[in-house]
Structures are given as structure tokens and as C-alpha cells.
C-alpha atoms as a PDB file:
ATOM      1  CA  UNK A   1       0.000   0.000   0.000  1.00  0.00           C
ATOM      2  CA  UNK A   2       2.917   2.313   0.656  1.00  0.00           C
ATOM      3  CA  UNK A   3       3.941   2.212  -3.024  1.00  0.00           C
ATOM      4  CA  UNK A   4       0.387   3.067  -4.110  1.00  0.00           C
ATOM      5  CA  UNK A   5       0.226   5.919  -1.602  1.00  0.00           C
ATOM      6  CA  UNK A   6       3.507   7.401  -2.827  1.00  0.00           C
ATOM      7  CA  UNK A   7       2.637   6.958  -6.510  1.00  0.00           C
ATOM      8  CA  UNK A   8      -0.814   8.543  -6.087  1.00  0.00           C
ATOM      9  CA  UNK A   9       0.571  11.239  -3.748  1.00  0.00           C
ATOM     10  CA  UNK A  10      -1.923  10.438  -0.990  1.00  0.00           C
ATOM     11  CA  UNK A  11      -1.518   9.185   2.555  1.00  0.00           C
ATOM     12  CA  UNK A  12      -1.315   5.436   3.216  1.00  0.00           C
ATOM     13  CA  UNK A  13      -4.740   5.352   4.907  1.00  0.00           C
ATOM     14  CA  UNK A  14      -6.434   6.850   1.830  1.00  0.00           C
ATOM     15  CA  UNK A  15      -4.587   4.510  -0.540  1.00  0.00           C
ATOM     16  CA  UNK A  16      -5.578   1.495   1.564  1.00  0.00           C
ATOM     17  CA  UNK A  17      -9.223   2.587   1.647  1.00  0.00           C
ATOM     18  CA  UNK A  18      -9.344   3.090  -2.132  1.00  0.00           C
ATOM     19  CA  UNK A  19      -7.632  -0.211  -2.998  1.00  0.00           C
ATOM     20  CA  UNK A  20      -9.691  -2.234  -0.508  1.00  0.00           C
ATOM     21  CA  UNK A  21     -12.870  -0.478  -1.660  1.00  0.00           C
ATOM     22  CA  UNK A  22     -12.067  -1.322  -5.280  1.00  0.00           C
ATOM     23  CA  UNK A  23     -11.504  -4.974  -4.392  1.00  0.00           C
ATOM     24  CA  UNK A  24     -14.774  -5.089  -2.405  1.00  0.00           C
ATOM     25  CA  UNK A  25     -16.731  -3.662  -5.352  1.00  0.00           C
ATOM     26  CA  UNK A  26     -15.143  -6.144  -7.780  1.00  0.00           C
ATOM     27  CA  UNK A  27     -15.902  -9.084  -5.465  1.00  0.00           C
ATOM     28  CA  UNK A  28     -19.515  -8.033  -4.836  1.00  0.00           C
ATOM     29  CA  UNK A  29     -20.165  -7.370  -8.526  1.00  0.00           C
ATOM     30  CA  UNK A  30     -18.732 -10.702  -9.673  1.00  0.00           C
ATOM     31  CA  UNK A  31     -20.564 -12.559  -6.880  1.00  0.00           C
ATOM     32  CA  UNK A  32     -23.843 -11.100  -8.164  1.00  0.00           C
ATOM     33  CA  UNK A  33     -23.095 -12.573 -11.599  1.00  0.00           C
ATOM     34  CA  UNK A  34     -21.934  -9.466 -13.444  1.00  0.00           C
ATOM     35  CA  UNK A  35     -18.616  -9.125 -15.261  1.00  0.00           C
ATOM     36  CA  UNK A  36     -16.061  -6.500 -14.191  1.00  0.00           C
ATOM     37  CA  UNK A  37     -13.769  -5.248 -16.944  1.00  0.00           C
ATOM     38  CA  UNK A  38     -10.868  -2.990 -15.980  1.00  0.00           C
ATOM     39  CA  UNK A  39      -9.790  -1.712 -19.385  1.00  0.00           C
ATOM     40  CA  UNK A  40      -6.246  -2.695 -20.312  1.00  0.00           C
ATOM     41  CA  UNK A  41      -5.804  -4.772 -17.152  1.00  0.00           C
ATOM     42  CA  UNK A  42      -8.140  -7.700 -16.496  1.00  0.00           C
ATOM     43  CA  UNK A  43     -11.663  -9.060 -16.771  1.00  0.00           C
ATOM     44  CA  UNK A  44     -13.234 -10.723 -13.724  1.00  0.00           C
ATOM     45  CA  UNK A  45     -16.219 -13.056 -14.147  1.00  0.00           C
ATOM     46  CA  UNK A  46     -18.121 -15.948 -12.632  1.00  0.00           C
ATOM     47  CA  UNK A  47     -18.566 -18.847 -15.053  1.00  0.00           C
ATOM     48  CA  UNK A  48     -20.764 -21.940 -14.817  1.00  0.00           C
ATOM     49  CA  UNK A  49     -19.275 -25.203 -16.025  1.00  0.00           C
ATOM     50  CA  UNK A  50     -21.625 -28.065 -16.931  1.00  0.00           C
ATOM     51  CA  UNK A  51     -21.345 -31.613 -15.592  1.00  0.00           C
ATOM     52  CA  UNK A  52     -19.060 -33.799 -17.695  1.00  0.00           C
ATOM     53  CA  UNK A  53     -17.356 -37.139 -17.924  1.00  0.00           C
ATOM     54  CA  UNK A  54     -13.634 -37.260 -17.106  1.00  0.00           C
ATOM     55  CA  UNK A  55     -11.042 -39.997 -16.894  1.00  0.00           C
ATOM     56  CA  UNK A  56      -9.078 -40.940 -13.772  1.00  0.00           C
ATOM     57  CA  UNK A  57      -5.459 -40.805 -14.989  1.00  0.00           C
ATOM     58  CA  UNK A  58      -4.285 -43.490 -12.536  1.00  0.00           C
ATOM     59  CA  UNK A  59      -6.894 -46.141 -13.381  1.00  0.00           C
ATOM     60  CA  UNK A  60      -8.301 -45.003 -16.699  1.00  0.00           C
ATOM     61  CA  UNK A  61     -11.803 -45.298 -15.211  1.00  0.00           C
ATOM     62  CA  UNK A  62     -14.419 -42.772 -16.343  1.00  0.00           C
ATOM     63  CA  UNK A  63     -15.831 -40.583 -13.574  1.00  0.00           C
ATOM     64  CA  UNK A  64     -18.672 -38.080 -13.482  1.00  0.00           C
ATOM     65  CA  UNK A  65     -17.599 -34.508 -12.637  1.00  0.00           C
ATOM     66  CA  UNK A  66     -20.392 -32.390 -11.145  1.00  0.00           C
ATOM     67  CA  UNK A  67     -21.443 -29.026 -12.555  1.00  0.00           C
ATOM     68  CA  UNK A  68     -19.742 -26.136 -10.802  1.00  0.00           C
ATOM     69  CA  UNK A  69     -19.220 -22.403 -10.834  1.00  0.00           C
ATOM     70  CA  UNK A  70     -15.677 -21.060 -11.098  1.00  0.00           C
ATOM     71  CA  UNK A  71     -14.017 -17.667 -10.880  1.00  0.00           C
ATOM     72  CA  UNK A  72     -12.380 -16.591 -14.121  1.00  0.00           C
ATOM     73  CA  UNK A  73      -9.825 -13.808 -14.429  1.00  0.00           C
ATOM     74  CA  UNK A  74      -8.614 -12.950 -17.914  1.00  0.00           C
ATOM     75  CA  UNK A  75      -5.547 -10.770 -18.456  1.00  0.00           C
ATOM     76  CA  UNK A  76      -6.288  -8.174 -21.124  1.00  0.00           C
ATOM     77  CA  UNK A  77      -4.028  -6.977 -23.933  1.00  0.00           C
ATOM     78  CA  UNK A  78      -2.555  -3.957 -22.126  1.00  0.00           C
ATOM     79  CA  UNK A  79      -1.482  -6.071 -19.162  1.00  0.00           C
ATOM     80  CA  UNK A  80      -0.122  -8.880 -21.349  1.00  0.00           C
ATOM     81  CA  UNK A  81       1.872  -6.468 -23.514  1.00  0.00           C
ATOM     82  CA  UNK A  82       3.586  -4.931 -20.479  1.00  0.00           C
ATOM     83  CA  UNK A  83       4.114  -8.268 -18.697  1.00  0.00           C
ATOM     84  CA  UNK A  84       5.646  -9.849 -21.810  1.00  0.00           C
ATOM     85  CA  UNK A  85       7.856  -6.852 -22.610  1.00  0.00           C
ATOM     86  CA  UNK A  86       6.031  -5.811 -25.797  1.00  0.00           C
ATOM     87  CA  UNK A  87       5.144  -2.423 -24.279  1.00  0.00           C
ATOM     88  CA  UNK A  88       7.061  -0.396 -21.732  1.00  0.00           C
ATOM     89  CA  UNK A  89       5.710  -0.374 -18.166  1.00  0.00           C
ATOM     90  CA  UNK A  90       4.332   2.820 -16.645  1.00  0.00           C
ATOM     91  CA  UNK A  91       6.778   4.974 -14.708  1.00  0.00           C
ATOM     92  CA  UNK A  92       6.202   4.569 -10.994  1.00  0.00           C
ATOM     93  CA  UNK A  93       6.857   7.427  -8.602  1.00  0.00           C
ATOM     94  CA  UNK A  94       8.894   6.000  -5.703  1.00  0.00           C
ATOM     95  CA  UNK A  95       9.784   9.175  -3.819  1.00  0.00           C
ATOM     96  CA  UNK A  96       7.355  11.720  -2.449  1.00  0.00           C
ATOM     97  CA  UNK A  97       7.571  15.225  -3.842  1.00  0.00           C
ATOM     98  CA  UNK A  98       9.097  17.642  -1.317  1.00  0.00           C
ATOM     99  CA  UNK A  99       6.624  20.042   0.238  1.00  0.00           C
ATOM    100  CA  UNK A 100       7.560  23.620  -0.591  1.00  0.00           C
ATOM    101  CA  UNK A 101       6.242  26.229   1.794  1.00  0.00           C
ATOM    102  CA  UNK A 102       5.099  29.503   0.319  1.00  0.00           C
ATOM    103  CA  UNK A 103       5.888  32.808   1.996  1.00  0.00           C
ATOM    104  CA  UNK A 104       2.243  33.231   2.955  1.00  0.00           C
ATOM    105  CA  UNK A 105       2.113  29.874   4.740  1.00  0.00           C
ATOM    106  CA  UNK A 106       5.362  30.567   6.619  1.00  0.00           C
ATOM    107  CA  UNK A 107       4.099  33.975   7.724  1.00  0.00           C
ATOM    108  CA  UNK A 108       0.860  32.495   9.077  1.00  0.00           C
ATOM    109  CA  UNK A 109       2.778  30.055  11.316  1.00  0.00           C
ATOM    110  CA  UNK A 110       4.561  32.887  13.145  1.00  0.00           C
END
């Protein structure tokens, strides 16, 4: 969270609240059955898989696999391009900007 706070130039408490709030909204939206698409990053969805026949690799016996719902996260093109080195990553601010006092602010403190 510290890196997010520095990069966004906000305090750590605000950065934590925003990131955790974003995650909560994504989780609640996907749980309700809707898809969340963060452009250039990832798509989050809930997907139903039907029942099917599978084969036990140890015995070769066919087994019935029940229908189930799974979470699906798909990396989108922007993320893939950066992760695979096709595009350059964004520049991250790692040091806070120094606070410069103005003459008016210094005079008010006296």
C-alpha cells in the first residue's frame, strides 16, 4: 500500500481505503453474476461449467464430474503487452515530492 500511496501522492490510509474499496466492489459485482472489466488490465467473471465425464489418470476409469461455478480472471491486452515486454511499463513514482512552503504559509505560522 505504501507504493500506491507514494505513486498517487496520498496518505497510506487513503490509498488502503481506495484499494480495498475497489476490491470489495469487484468481489460483490462478480458474486452477483456481473462481469467486471478494468480496461487494459483484467476481466473478472463468474462462469458456470456443466457436468461432464472425465477420466481418472491413474486407473483409466471414467468418472462423473459435477457441474460447478468457477471464478475466471482474464488478463487483457494492455497487461499482457507490459508483462511480456512488448510495451514499456508505466513509470512509478517512488519518492514523495518535497513540500515547498510559500511565503504566505510561513508567515501564518509565526
